């Protein structure tokens, strides 16, 4: 039974078919994540062959894992690939992943609203655009929320949800509840803008500054991030780690360091030249590093394997870790 606003109880959404729209790796692994949760999924994509290949690869990876019960609910018979949107199914969730292009995002919202019931959630990826800007073109702005994922979606806990005063709280609550209960996500909600890309942008800006000034190279930046923050961030995040190490020391360091951090608003010349030369990363065998033919496929395969391994470690140490642990014969809770 719907409430006065036409919003269904959260439990009803858990059995509802889901529409995914997208052309990228995130959309394809998100589809796998939803199939694992037992949903009927329709993937709307202009590249169905590419999508099917990516999904099949993920399914083979899942079947190859030691924990073979991870694929119990994954049934490819529950998947429909389509290049045309229609309203034949009563979708209660539509999830779109697009490039960070305002016109493209507005266009997909308008397409989705033509086929969805008015009480269906439309969740769309947003990195640098305000949620209210997208809501402005919607017939029902309260059901538009931001949703940012991490590739591969089916092996990561990340889900950033973006809301504001116009957002229907019941829809947001239902989305959070099903994400945590069925999609193995640890969602958090922010207002108006995503924070993931802003924090990453701050780190990259400082890295660009250090490279541009000749203090360091790209390999050194990568080693510093991987071998320091890469160890503790999966366990704790930034602020709990500061608590663990002692906040006073960080306060003293940041007091002196903050005035020295980069405030540059331009992209450095070495990076714009890289882009102008078509060095777009592994897909072109050139980026910050150079790659041999076929090396990108090897990196992707190793990364997929790593994502399962790090998932198993993080499962042992959930965010609010309370399990009794024994260290050197002493119990900690």
C-alpha atoms as a PDB file:
ATOM      1  CA  UNK A   1       0.000   0.000   0.000  1.00  0.00           C
ATOM      2  CA  UNK A   2       1.293   3.447  -0.888  1.00  0.00           C
ATOM      3  CA  UNK A   3       1.342   6.354   1.572  1.00  0.00           C
ATOM      4  CA  UNK A   4      -0.352   9.697   0.956  1.00  0.00           C
ATOM      5  CA  UNK A   5       2.497  10.827  -1.308  1.00  0.00           C
ATOM      6  CA  UNK A   6       2.249   7.676  -3.419  1.00  0.00           C
ATOM      7  CA  UNK A   7       5.490   6.274  -1.991  1.00  0.00           C
ATOM      8  CA  UNK A   8       5.633   2.528  -1.421  1.00  0.00           C
ATOM      9  CA  UNK A   9       6.979   0.938   1.769  1.00  0.00           C
ATOM     10  CA  UNK A  10      10.695   0.107   1.638  1.00  0.00           C
ATOM     11  CA  UNK A  11      10.026  -3.647   1.601  1.00  0.00           C
ATOM     12  CA  UNK A  12       8.126  -3.309  -1.685  1.00  0.00           C
ATOM     13  CA  UNK A  13      11.113  -1.725  -3.396  1.00  0.00           C
ATOM     14  CA  UNK A  14      13.263  -4.748  -2.567  1.00  0.00           C
ATOM     15  CA  UNK A  15      11.286  -6.954  -4.977  1.00  0.00           C
ATOM     16  CA  UNK A  16      10.855  -4.335  -7.694  1.00  0.00           C
ATOM     17  CA  UNK A  17      12.643  -4.534 -11.067  1.00  0.00           C
ATOM     18  CA  UNK A  18      15.402  -1.959 -11.558  1.00  0.00           C
ATOM     19  CA  UNK A  19      16.344   0.034 -14.630  1.00  0.00           C
ATOM     20  CA  UNK A  20      20.026   0.887 -15.121  1.00  0.00           C
ATOM     21  CA  UNK A  21      21.132   3.357 -17.805  1.00  0.00           C
ATOM     22  CA  UNK A  22      24.759   3.777 -18.818  1.00  0.00           C
ATOM     23  CA  UNK A  23      27.593   3.025 -21.218  1.00  0.00           C
ATOM     24  CA  UNK A  24      30.534   2.644 -18.838  1.00  0.00           C
ATOM     25  CA  UNK A  25      32.211   0.096 -16.580  1.00  0.00           C
ATOM     26  CA  UNK A  26      30.328   1.422 -13.555  1.00  0.00           C
ATOM     27  CA  UNK A  27      26.940   0.765 -15.165  1.00  0.00           C
ATOM     28  CA  UNK A  28      27.982  -2.763 -16.125  1.00  0.00           C
ATOM     29  CA  UNK A  29      29.331  -3.765 -12.696  1.00  0.00           C
ATOM     30  CA  UNK A  30      26.357  -2.042 -11.029  1.00  0.00           C
ATOM     31  CA  UNK A  31      24.138  -4.339 -13.088  1.00  0.00           C
ATOM     32  CA  UNK A  32      26.072  -7.330 -11.720  1.00  0.00           C
ATOM     33  CA  UNK A  33      25.665  -5.994  -8.171  1.00  0.00           C
ATOM     34  CA  UNK A  34      21.888  -5.763  -8.584  1.00  0.00           C
ATOM     35  CA  UNK A  35      21.674  -9.199 -10.193  1.00  0.00           C
ATOM     36  CA  UNK A  36      23.579 -10.627  -7.216  1.00  0.00           C
ATOM     37  CA  UNK A  37      20.912  -9.110  -4.971  1.00  0.00           C
ATOM     38  CA  UNK A  38      18.250 -11.052  -6.880  1.00  0.00           C
ATOM     39  CA  UNK A  39      16.710  -8.154  -8.823  1.00  0.00           C
ATOM     40  CA  UNK A  40      15.247  -8.251 -12.285  1.00  0.00           C
ATOM     41  CA  UNK A  41      17.450  -5.726 -14.097  1.00  0.00           C
ATOM     42  CA  UNK A  42      17.015  -3.938 -17.394  1.00  0.00           C
ATOM     43  CA  UNK A  43      20.218  -2.307 -18.674  1.00  0.00           C
ATOM     44  CA  UNK A  44      19.560   0.486 -21.138  1.00  0.00           C
ATOM     45  CA  UNK A  45      22.745   0.993 -23.127  1.00  0.00           C
ATOM     46  CA  UNK A  46      23.809   1.965 -26.621  1.00  0.00           C
ATOM     47  CA  UNK A  47      26.569  -0.656 -26.476  1.00  0.00           C
ATOM     48  CA  UNK A  48      24.846  -3.939 -25.537  1.00  0.00           C
ATOM     49  CA  UNK A  49      27.643  -6.165 -26.876  1.00  0.00           C
ATOM     50  CA  UNK A  50      30.260  -4.323 -24.823  1.00  0.00           C
ATOM     51  CA  UNK A  51      27.960  -4.512 -21.800  1.00  0.00           C
ATOM     52  CA  UNK A  52      27.336  -8.243 -22.200  1.00  0.00           C
ATOM     53  CA  UNK A  53      31.055  -8.949 -22.512  1.00  0.00           C
ATOM     54  CA  UNK A  54      31.830  -6.968 -19.351  1.00  0.00           C
ATOM     55  CA  UNK A  55      29.021  -8.639 -17.393  1.00  0.00           C
ATOM     56  CA  UNK A  56      30.099 -12.110 -18.544  1.00  0.00           C
ATOM     57  CA  UNK A  57      33.658 -11.346 -17.421  1.00  0.00           C
ATOM     58  CA  UNK A  58      32.438 -10.321 -13.969  1.00  0.00           C
ATOM     59  CA  UNK A  59      30.314 -13.454 -13.705  1.00  0.00           C
ATOM     60  CA  UNK A  60      33.329 -15.631 -14.553  1.00  0.00           C
ATOM     61  CA  UNK A  61      35.346 -13.816 -11.870  1.00  0.00           C
ATOM     62  CA  UNK A  62      32.589 -14.388  -9.310  1.00  0.00           C
ATOM     63  CA  UNK A  63      32.382 -18.090 -10.147  1.00  0.00           C
ATOM     64  CA  UNK A  64      36.149 -18.380  -9.770  1.00  0.00           C
ATOM     65  CA  UNK A  65      36.160 -17.081  -6.195  1.00  0.00           C
ATOM     66  CA  UNK A  66      36.796 -19.444  -3.296  1.00  0.00           C
ATOM     67  CA  UNK A  67      33.573 -18.289  -1.626  1.00  0.00           C
ATOM     68  CA  UNK A  68      31.376 -19.906  -4.276  1.00  0.00           C
ATOM     69  CA  UNK A  69      28.102 -18.936  -2.579  1.00  0.00           C
ATOM     70  CA  UNK A  70      28.665 -15.342  -3.763  1.00  0.00           C
ATOM     71  CA  UNK A  71      27.019 -16.194  -7.103  1.00  0.00           C
ATOM     72  CA  UNK A  72      24.008 -18.029  -5.662  1.00  0.00           C
ATOM     73  CA  UNK A  73      21.535 -15.244  -6.464  1.00  0.00           C
ATOM     74  CA  UNK A  74      23.107 -14.160  -9.751  1.00  0.00           C
ATOM     75  CA  UNK A  75      20.904 -15.279 -12.599  1.00  0.00           C
ATOM     76  CA  UNK A  76      21.575 -13.870 -16.053  1.00  0.00           C
ATOM     77  CA  UNK A  77      18.012 -14.826 -16.980  1.00  0.00           C
ATOM     78  CA  UNK A  78      17.019 -11.844 -14.809  1.00  0.00           C
ATOM     79  CA  UNK A  79      18.925  -9.481 -17.123  1.00  0.00           C
ATOM     80  CA  UNK A  80      17.497  -7.669 -20.133  1.00  0.00           C
ATOM     81  CA  UNK A  81      19.724  -5.558 -22.367  1.00  0.00           C
ATOM     82  CA  UNK A  82      17.943  -2.927 -24.409  1.00  0.00           C
ATOM     83  CA  UNK A  83      18.757  -0.002 -26.667  1.00  0.00           C
ATOM     84  CA  UNK A  84      15.244   1.441 -26.309  1.00  0.00           C
ATOM     85  CA  UNK A  85      13.414   2.704 -23.250  1.00  0.00           C
ATOM     86  CA  UNK A  86       9.817   1.652 -22.744  1.00  0.00           C
ATOM     87  CA  UNK A  87       7.302   1.606 -19.922  1.00  0.00           C
ATOM     88  CA  UNK A  88       6.367  -2.054 -20.066  1.00  0.00           C
ATOM     89  CA  UNK A  89       7.747  -2.725 -16.574  1.00  0.00           C
ATOM     90  CA  UNK A  90       6.798  -0.921 -13.379  1.00  0.00           C
ATOM     91  CA  UNK A  91      10.277   0.187 -12.302  1.00  0.00           C
ATOM     92  CA  UNK A  92      10.589   1.615  -8.798  1.00  0.00           C
ATOM     93  CA  UNK A  93      14.297   2.399  -9.149  1.00  0.00           C
ATOM     94  CA  UNK A  94      16.112   3.868 -12.133  1.00  0.00           C
ATOM     95  CA  UNK A  95      19.857   4.359 -11.780  1.00  0.00           C
ATOM     96  CA  UNK A  96      21.842   6.287 -14.388  1.00  0.00           C
ATOM     97  CA  UNK A  97      25.598   6.668 -14.722  1.00  0.00           C
ATOM     98  CA  UNK A  98      26.730   9.302 -17.220  1.00  0.00           C
ATOM     99  CA  UNK A  99      29.747  11.423 -18.029  1.00  0.00           C
ATOM    100  CA  UNK A 100      29.961  14.710 -16.148  1.00  0.00           C
ATOM    101  CA  UNK A 101      28.018  16.572 -18.825  1.00  0.00           C
ATOM    102  CA  UNK A 102      25.009  18.631 -17.753  1.00  0.00           C
ATOM    103  CA  UNK A 103      23.092  18.285 -21.022  1.00  0.00           C
ATOM    104  CA  UNK A 104      23.529  14.504 -21.016  1.00  0.00           C
ATOM    105  CA  UNK A 105      22.298  14.215 -17.440  1.00  0.00           C
ATOM    106  CA  UNK A 106      19.285  16.437 -18.091  1.00  0.00           C
ATOM    107  CA  UNK A 107      18.425  14.438 -21.208  1.00  0.00           C
ATOM    108  CA  UNK A 108      18.443  11.056 -19.433  1.00  0.00           C
ATOM    109  CA  UNK A 109      16.313  12.440 -16.578  1.00  0.00           C
ATOM    110  CA  UNK A 110      13.726  13.648 -19.093  1.00  0.00           C
ATOM    111  CA  UNK A 111      13.775  10.272 -20.880  1.00  0.00           C
ATOM    112  CA  UNK A 112      13.332   8.365 -17.634  1.00  0.00           C
ATOM    113  CA  UNK A 113      10.478  10.543 -16.429  1.00  0.00           C
ATOM    114  CA  UNK A 114       8.526   9.727 -19.570  1.00  0.00           C
ATOM    115  CA  UNK A 115       8.375   6.011 -18.708  1.00  0.00           C
ATOM    116  CA  UNK A 116       8.553   5.850 -14.893  1.00  0.00           C
ATOM    117  CA  UNK A 117       5.711   6.047 -12.381  1.00  0.00           C
ATOM    118  CA  UNK A 118       5.767   9.233 -10.333  1.00  0.00           C
ATOM    119  CA  UNK A 119       6.821   7.392  -7.146  1.00  0.00           C
ATOM    120  CA  UNK A 120       9.942   5.846  -8.712  1.00  0.00           C
ATOM    121  CA  UNK A 121      13.408   6.954  -7.627  1.00  0.00           C
ATOM    122  CA  UNK A 122      15.771   8.373 -10.232  1.00  0.00           C
ATOM    123  CA  UNK A 123      19.342   8.118  -8.957  1.00  0.00           C
ATOM    124  CA  UNK A 124      22.000   9.705 -11.151  1.00  0.00           C
ATOM    125  CA  UNK A 125      25.764  10.070 -10.817  1.00  0.00           C
ATOM    126  CA  UNK A 126      26.898  13.615  -9.933  1.00  0.00           C
ATOM    127  CA  UNK A 127      30.498  14.635  -9.358  1.00  0.00           C
ATOM    128  CA  UNK A 128      30.669  18.408  -9.913  1.00  0.00           C
ATOM    129  CA  UNK A 129      27.104  19.501 -10.707  1.00  0.00           C
ATOM    130  CA  UNK A 130      24.655  20.629  -8.031  1.00  0.00           C
ATOM    131  CA  UNK A 131      21.691  18.329  -7.440  1.00  0.00           C
ATOM    132  CA  UNK A 132      19.305  21.305  -7.620  1.00  0.00           C
ATOM    133  CA  UNK A 133      20.503  22.014 -11.177  1.00  0.00           C
ATOM    134  CA  UNK A 134      19.282  18.566 -12.254  1.00  0.00           C
ATOM    135  CA  UNK A 135      16.077  18.816 -10.249  1.00  0.00           C
ATOM    136  CA  UNK A 136      15.251  22.059 -12.069  1.00  0.00           C
ATOM    137  CA  UNK A 137      14.450  20.154 -15.289  1.00  0.00           C
ATOM    138  CA  UNK A 138      12.488  17.370 -13.568  1.00  0.00           C
ATOM    139  CA  UNK A 139       8.724  17.045 -13.458  1.00  0.00           C
ATOM    140  CA  UNK A 140       9.032  15.551  -9.972  1.00  0.00           C
ATOM    141  CA  UNK A 141      12.246  16.999  -8.475  1.00  0.00           C
ATOM    142  CA  UNK A 142      11.738  15.317  -5.093  1.00  0.00           C
ATOM    143  CA  UNK A 143      12.502  11.880  -6.522  1.00  0.00           C
ATOM    144  CA  UNK A 144      15.842  12.881  -8.113  1.00  0.00           C
ATOM    145  CA  UNK A 145      18.842  11.961  -5.957  1.00  0.00           C
ATOM    146  CA  UNK A 146      22.557  11.809  -6.632  1.00  0.00           C
ATOM    147  CA  UNK A 147      24.252   8.401  -6.460  1.00  0.00           C
ATOM    148  CA  UNK A 148      27.976   7.907  -6.991  1.00  0.00           C
ATOM    149  CA  UNK A 149      29.528   4.442  -7.143  1.00  0.00           C
ATOM    150  CA  UNK A 150      33.007   2.903  -7.342  1.00  0.00           C
ATOM    151  CA  UNK A 151      34.107   0.412  -9.981  1.00  0.00           C
ATOM    152  CA  UNK A 152      33.770  -2.538  -9.591  1.00  0.00           C
ATOM    153  CA  UNK A 153      30.426  -1.802  -7.915  1.00  0.00           C
ATOM    154  CA  UNK A 154      29.711  -5.405  -6.922  1.00  0.00           C
ATOM    155  CA  UNK A 155      32.893  -5.744  -4.834  1.00  0.00           C
ATOM    156  CA  UNK A 156      33.035  -2.307  -3.161  1.00  0.00           C
ATOM    157  CA  UNK A 157      31.116  -0.816  -0.246  1.00  0.00           C
ATOM    158  CA  UNK A 158      31.149   2.760  -1.514  1.00  0.00           C
ATOM    159  CA  UNK A 159      27.883   4.578  -2.203  1.00  0.00           C
ATOM    160  CA  UNK A 160      27.610   8.351  -1.991  1.00  0.00           C
ATOM    161  CA  UNK A 161      24.039   9.673  -1.987  1.00  0.00           C
ATOM    162  CA  UNK A 162      23.272  13.345  -2.588  1.00  0.00           C
ATOM    163  CA  UNK A 163      20.064  14.990  -1.403  1.00  0.00           C
ATOM    164  CA  UNK A 164      18.711  18.433  -0.554  1.00  0.00           C
ATOM    165  CA  UNK A 165      15.600  20.095   0.855  1.00  0.00           C
ATOM    166  CA  UNK A 166      13.530  19.061  -2.178  1.00  0.00           C
ATOM    167  CA  UNK A 167      14.346  15.368  -1.815  1.00  0.00           C
ATOM    168  CA  UNK A 168      11.521  13.120  -0.641  1.00  0.00           C
ATOM    169  CA  UNK A 169      12.927  11.704   2.633  1.00  0.00           C
ATOM    170  CA  UNK A 170      10.973   8.439   2.306  1.00  0.00           C
ATOM    171  CA  UNK A 171      12.506   7.726  -1.096  1.00  0.00           C
ATOM    172  CA  UNK A 172      16.000   8.494   0.164  1.00  0.00           C
ATOM    173  CA  UNK A 173      15.455   6.288   3.211  1.00  0.00           C
ATOM    174  CA  UNK A 174      14.232   3.406   1.043  1.00  0.00           C
ATOM    175  CA  UNK A 175      17.252   3.725  -1.241  1.00  0.00           C
ATOM    176  CA  UNK A 176      19.662   3.747   1.722  1.00  0.00           C
ATOM    177  CA  UNK A 177      17.936   0.794   3.356  1.00  0.00           C
ATOM    178  CA  UNK A 178      17.979  -1.474   0.332  1.00  0.00           C
ATOM    179  CA  UNK A 179      21.566  -0.464  -0.530  1.00  0.00           C
ATOM    180  CA  UNK A 180      22.755  -1.495   2.930  1.00  0.00           C
ATOM    181  CA  UNK A 181      20.575  -4.592   3.261  1.00  0.00           C
ATOM    182  CA  UNK A 182      20.757  -6.074  -0.244  1.00  0.00           C
ATOM    183  CA  UNK A 183      23.541  -4.431  -2.260  1.00  0.00           C
ATOM    184  CA  UNK A 184      26.334  -4.716   0.354  1.00  0.00           C
ATOM    185  CA  UNK A 185      26.840  -0.947   0.465  1.00  0.00           C
ATOM    186  CA  UNK A 186      27.856   1.334   3.326  1.00  0.00           C
ATOM    187  CA  UNK A 187      26.020   4.454   2.103  1.00  0.00           C
ATOM    188  CA  UNK A 188      26.406   7.998   3.380  1.00  0.00           C
ATOM    189  CA  UNK A 189      24.300  11.041   2.505  1.00  0.00           C
ATOM    190  CA  UNK A 190      25.609  14.518   1.696  1.00  0.00           C
ATOM    191  CA  UNK A 191      23.833  17.730   0.754  1.00  0.00           C
ATOM    192  CA  UNK A 192      23.711  19.187  -2.763  1.00  0.00           C
ATOM    193  CA  UNK A 193      27.240  18.257  -3.906  1.00  0.00           C
ATOM    194  CA  UNK A 194      29.250  15.050  -3.800  1.00  0.00           C
ATOM    195  CA  UNK A 195      32.301  15.061  -1.535  1.00  0.00           C
ATOM    196  CA  UNK A 196      34.236  12.112  -2.986  1.00  0.00           C
ATOM    197  CA  UNK A 197      35.369  14.006  -6.080  1.00  0.00           C
ATOM    198  CA  UNK A 198      36.176  17.151  -4.082  1.00  0.00           C
ATOM    199  CA  UNK A 199      38.480  15.270  -1.723  1.00  0.00           C
ATOM    200  CA  UNK A 200      40.139  13.463  -4.617  1.00  0.00           C
ATOM    201  CA  UNK A 201      40.444  16.771  -6.463  1.00  0.00           C
ATOM    202  CA  UNK A 202      42.238  18.356  -3.503  1.00  0.00           C
ATOM    203  CA  UNK A 203      44.725  15.469  -3.376  1.00  0.00           C
ATOM    204  CA  UNK A 204      45.343  15.587  -7.138  1.00  0.00           C
ATOM    205  CA  UNK A 205      45.756  19.385  -7.112  1.00  0.00           C
ATOM    206  CA  UNK A 206      48.512  19.120  -4.499  1.00  0.00           C
ATOM    207  CA  UNK A 207      50.111  16.236  -6.424  1.00  0.00           C
ATOM    208  CA  UNK A 208      50.026  18.287  -9.653  1.00  0.00           C
ATOM    209  CA  UNK A 209      51.600  21.230  -7.817  1.00  0.00           C
ATOM    210  CA  UNK A 210      54.447  19.112  -6.435  1.00  0.00           C
ATOM    211  CA  UNK A 211      55.165  17.613  -9.864  1.00  0.00           C
ATOM    212  CA  UNK A 212      54.917  20.986 -11.635  1.00  0.00           C
ATOM    213  CA  UNK A 213      57.416  22.555  -9.194  1.00  0.00           C
ATOM    214  CA  UNK A 214      59.828  19.696  -9.688  1.00  0.00           C
ATOM    215  CA  UNK A 215      59.705  18.330  -6.142  1.00  0.00           C
ATOM    216  CA  UNK A 216      58.567  14.850  -7.120  1.00  0.00           C
ATOM    217  CA  UNK A 217      57.505  12.579  -9.980  1.00  0.00           C
ATOM    218  CA  UNK A 218      54.281  10.682 -10.644  1.00  0.00           C
ATOM    219  CA  UNK A 219      55.785   7.376  -9.491  1.00  0.00           C
ATOM    220  CA  UNK A 220      56.821   8.901  -6.164  1.00  0.00           C
ATOM    221  CA  UNK A 221      53.320  10.314  -5.628  1.00  0.00           C
ATOM    222  CA  UNK A 222      51.855   6.881  -6.283  1.00  0.00           C
ATOM    223  CA  UNK A 223      54.254   5.193  -3.872  1.00  0.00           C
ATOM    224  CA  UNK A 224      53.500   7.740  -1.152  1.00  0.00           C
ATOM    225  CA  UNK A 225      49.727   7.239  -1.523  1.00  0.00           C
ATOM    226  CA  UNK A 226      49.828   3.466  -1.895  1.00  0.00           C
ATOM    227  CA  UNK A 227      52.319   2.673   0.856  1.00  0.00           C
ATOM    228  CA  UNK A 228      50.987   5.094   3.502  1.00  0.00           C
ATOM    229  CA  UNK A 229      47.331   6.068   3.079  1.00  0.00           C
ATOM    230  CA  UNK A 230      46.688   2.909   1.076  1.00  0.00           C
ATOM    231  CA  UNK A 231      47.314   0.876   4.205  1.00  0.00           C
ATOM    232  CA  UNK A 232      45.113   2.696   6.702  1.00  0.00           C
ATOM    233  CA  UNK A 233      42.256   4.168   4.650  1.00  0.00           C
ATOM    234  CA  UNK A 234      40.544   0.788   4.022  1.00  0.00           C
ATOM    235  CA  UNK A 235      40.617   0.218   7.782  1.00  0.00           C
ATOM    236  CA  UNK A 236      39.556   3.538   9.234  1.00  0.00           C
ATOM    237  CA  UNK A 237      39.221   6.550   6.977  1.00  0.00           C
ATOM    238  CA  UNK A 238      41.014   9.815   7.732  1.00  0.00           C
ATOM    239  CA  UNK A 239      39.440  11.020  10.961  1.00  0.00           C
ATOM    240  CA  UNK A 240      39.379   7.742  12.856  1.00  0.00           C
ATOM    241  CA  UNK A 241      43.015   7.246  11.874  1.00  0.00           C
ATOM    242  CA  UNK A 242      43.849  10.670  13.337  1.00  0.00           C
ATOM    243  CA  UNK A 243      42.060   9.604  16.524  1.00  0.00           C
ATOM    244  CA  UNK A 244      44.095   6.416  16.517  1.00  0.00           C
ATOM    245  CA  UNK A 245      47.418   8.208  16.015  1.00  0.00           C
ATOM    246  CA  UNK A 246      46.608  11.255  18.162  1.00  0.00           C
ATOM    247  CA  UNK A 247      44.895  14.386  16.893  1.00  0.00           C
ATOM    248  CA  UNK A 248      47.329  16.796  18.611  1.00  0.00           C
ATOM    249  CA  UNK A 249      50.197  15.846  16.315  1.00  0.00           C
ATOM    250  CA  UNK A 250      48.029  16.370  13.244  1.00  0.00           C
ATOM    251  CA  UNK A 251      46.891  19.738  14.568  1.00  0.00           C
ATOM    252  CA  UNK A 252      50.477  20.908  14.910  1.00  0.00           C
ATOM    253  CA  UNK A 253      51.481  19.677  11.450  1.00  0.00           C
ATOM    254  CA  UNK A 254      48.441  21.137   9.681  1.00  0.00           C
ATOM    255  CA  UNK A 255      48.838  24.503  11.402  1.00  0.00           C
ATOM    256  CA  UNK A 256      52.183  24.950   9.677  1.00  0.00           C
ATOM    257  CA  UNK A 257      51.371  23.041   6.487  1.00  0.00           C
ATOM    258  CA  UNK A 258      47.983  24.467   5.499  1.00  0.00           C
ATOM    259  CA  UNK A 259      49.316  27.882   4.349  1.00  0.00           C
ATOM    260  CA  UNK A 260      51.788  26.072   2.069  1.00  0.00           C
ATOM    261  CA  UNK A 261      49.273  23.813   0.294  1.00  0.00           C
ATOM    262  CA  UNK A 262      48.439  24.522  -3.329  1.00  0.00           C
ATOM    263  CA  UNK A 263      45.567  26.838  -4.167  1.00  0.00           C
ATOM    264  CA  UNK A 264      46.146  26.689  -7.924  1.00  0.00           C
ATOM    265  CA  UNK A 265      43.030  26.846 -10.096  1.00  0.00           C
ATOM    266  CA  UNK A 266      44.655  25.910 -13.413  1.00  0.00           C
ATOM    267  CA  UNK A 267      45.598  22.542 -14.833  1.00  0.00           C
ATOM    268  CA  UNK A 268      49.399  22.330 -15.079  1.00  0.00           C
ATOM    269  CA  UNK A 269      51.006  22.455 -18.511  1.00  0.00           C
ATOM    270  CA  UNK A 270      52.405  18.922 -18.292  1.00  0.00           C
ATOM    271  CA  UNK A 271      48.882  17.551 -17.780  1.00  0.00           C
ATOM    272  CA  UNK A 272      47.180  19.573 -20.534  1.00  0.00           C
ATOM    273  CA  UNK A 273      49.973  18.527 -22.925  1.00  0.00           C
ATOM    274  CA  UNK A 274      49.368  14.895 -21.963  1.00  0.00           C
ATOM    275  CA  UNK A 275      45.676  15.274 -22.828  1.00  0.00           C
ATOM    276  CA  UNK A 276      46.394  17.142 -26.074  1.00  0.00           C
ATOM    277  CA  UNK A 277      48.705  14.322 -27.148  1.00  0.00           C
ATOM    278  CA  UNK A 278      45.862  11.804 -26.684  1.00  0.00           C
ATOM    279  CA  UNK A 279      47.499  10.095 -23.717  1.00  0.00           C
ATOM    280  CA  UNK A 280      44.210   9.101 -22.102  1.00  0.00           C
ATOM    281  CA  UNK A 281      45.483   6.211 -20.029  1.00  0.00           C
ATOM    282  CA  UNK A 282      45.539   2.485 -20.567  1.00  0.00           C
ATOM    283  CA  UNK A 283      42.932   2.594 -23.328  1.00  0.00           C
ATOM    284  CA  UNK A 284      45.558   4.370 -25.459  1.00  0.00           C
ATOM    285  CA  UNK A 285      48.569   2.577 -23.931  1.00  0.00           C
ATOM    286  CA  UNK A 286      49.792   5.987 -22.757  1.00  0.00           C
ATOM    287  CA  UNK A 287      49.079   8.151 -19.740  1.00  0.00           C
ATOM    288  CA  UNK A 288      51.292   9.032 -16.803  1.00  0.00           C
ATOM    289  CA  UNK A 289      52.900   5.675 -17.611  1.00  0.00           C
ATOM    290  CA  UNK A 290      53.451   3.910 -20.930  1.00  0.00           C
ATOM    291  CA  UNK A 291      51.944   0.475 -21.580  1.00  0.00           C
ATOM    292  CA  UNK A 292      52.621  -2.295 -24.074  1.00  0.00           C
ATOM    293  CA  UNK A 293      49.873  -3.757 -26.252  1.00  0.00           C
ATOM    294  CA  UNK A 294      47.680  -6.082 -24.186  1.00  0.00           C
ATOM    295  CA  UNK A 295      48.984  -4.730 -20.888  1.00  0.00           C
ATOM    296  CA  UNK A 296      45.756  -2.865 -20.109  1.00  0.00           C
ATOM    297  CA  UNK A 297      43.787  -6.124 -20.122  1.00  0.00           C
ATOM    298  CA  UNK A 298      46.270  -7.633 -17.676  1.00  0.00           C
ATOM    299  CA  UNK A 299      46.008  -4.631 -15.356  1.00  0.00           C
ATOM    300  CA  UNK A 300      42.199  -4.804 -15.440  1.00  0.00           C
ATOM    301  CA  UNK A 301      42.224  -8.528 -14.631  1.00  0.00           C
ATOM    302  CA  UNK A 302      44.640  -8.018 -11.720  1.00  0.00           C
ATOM    303  CA  UNK A 303      42.569  -5.086 -10.438  1.00  0.00           C
ATOM    304  CA  UNK A 304      39.393  -7.183 -10.489  1.00  0.00           C
ATOM    305  CA  UNK A 305      41.188  -9.908  -8.535  1.00  0.00           C
ATOM    306  CA  UNK A 306      42.490  -7.357  -6.044  1.00  0.00           C
ATOM    307  CA  UNK A 307      38.982  -5.946  -5.535  1.00  0.00           C
ATOM    308  CA  UNK A 308      37.786  -9.326  -4.234  1.00  0.00           C
ATOM    309  CA  UNK A 309      40.797  -9.689  -1.958  1.00  0.00           C
ATOM    310  CA  UNK A 310      40.466  -6.222  -0.417  1.00  0.00           C
ATOM    311  CA  UNK A 311      36.700  -6.768  -0.039  1.00  0.00           C
ATOM    312  CA  UNK A 312      37.382  -9.836   2.120  1.00  0.00           C
ATOM    313  CA  UNK A 313      39.771  -7.856   4.330  1.00  0.00           C
ATOM    314  CA  UNK A 314      37.342  -4.967   4.779  1.00  0.00           C
ATOM    315  CA  UNK A 315      34.574  -7.433   5.661  1.00  0.00           C
ATOM    316  CA  UNK A 316      36.658  -8.491   8.667  1.00  0.00           C
ATOM    317  CA  UNK A 317      36.898  -4.895   9.909  1.00  0.00           C
ATOM    318  CA  UNK A 318      33.571  -3.102   9.304  1.00  0.00           C
ATOM    319  CA  UNK A 319      33.433   0.669   9.700  1.00  0.00           C
ATOM    320  CA  UNK A 320      32.052   0.593  13.260  1.00  0.00           C
ATOM    321  CA  UNK A 321      34.236  -2.274  14.375  1.00  0.00           C
ATOM    322  CA  UNK A 322      32.969  -3.697  17.705  1.00  0.00           C
ATOM    323  CA  UNK A 323      33.928  -7.368  17.609  1.00  0.00           C
ATOM    324  CA  UNK A 324      36.100  -8.411  20.558  1.00  0.00           C
ATOM    325  CA  UNK A 325      39.719  -8.664  19.400  1.00  0.00           C
ATOM    326  CA  UNK A 326      42.656 -10.177  21.220  1.00  0.00           C
ATOM    327  CA  UNK A 327      46.031  -8.467  20.844  1.00  0.00           C
ATOM    328  CA  UNK A 328      49.016  -9.876  22.707  1.00  0.00           C
ATOM    329  CA  UNK A 329      46.707 -11.782  25.052  1.00  0.00           C
ATOM    330  CA  UNK A 330      44.599  -8.702  25.907  1.00  0.00           C
ATOM    331  CA  UNK A 331      40.935  -8.417  24.853  1.00  0.00           C
ATOM    332  CA  UNK A 332      39.716  -5.243  23.184  1.00  0.00           C
ATOM    333  CA  UNK A 333      36.096  -4.424  22.299  1.00  0.00           C
END
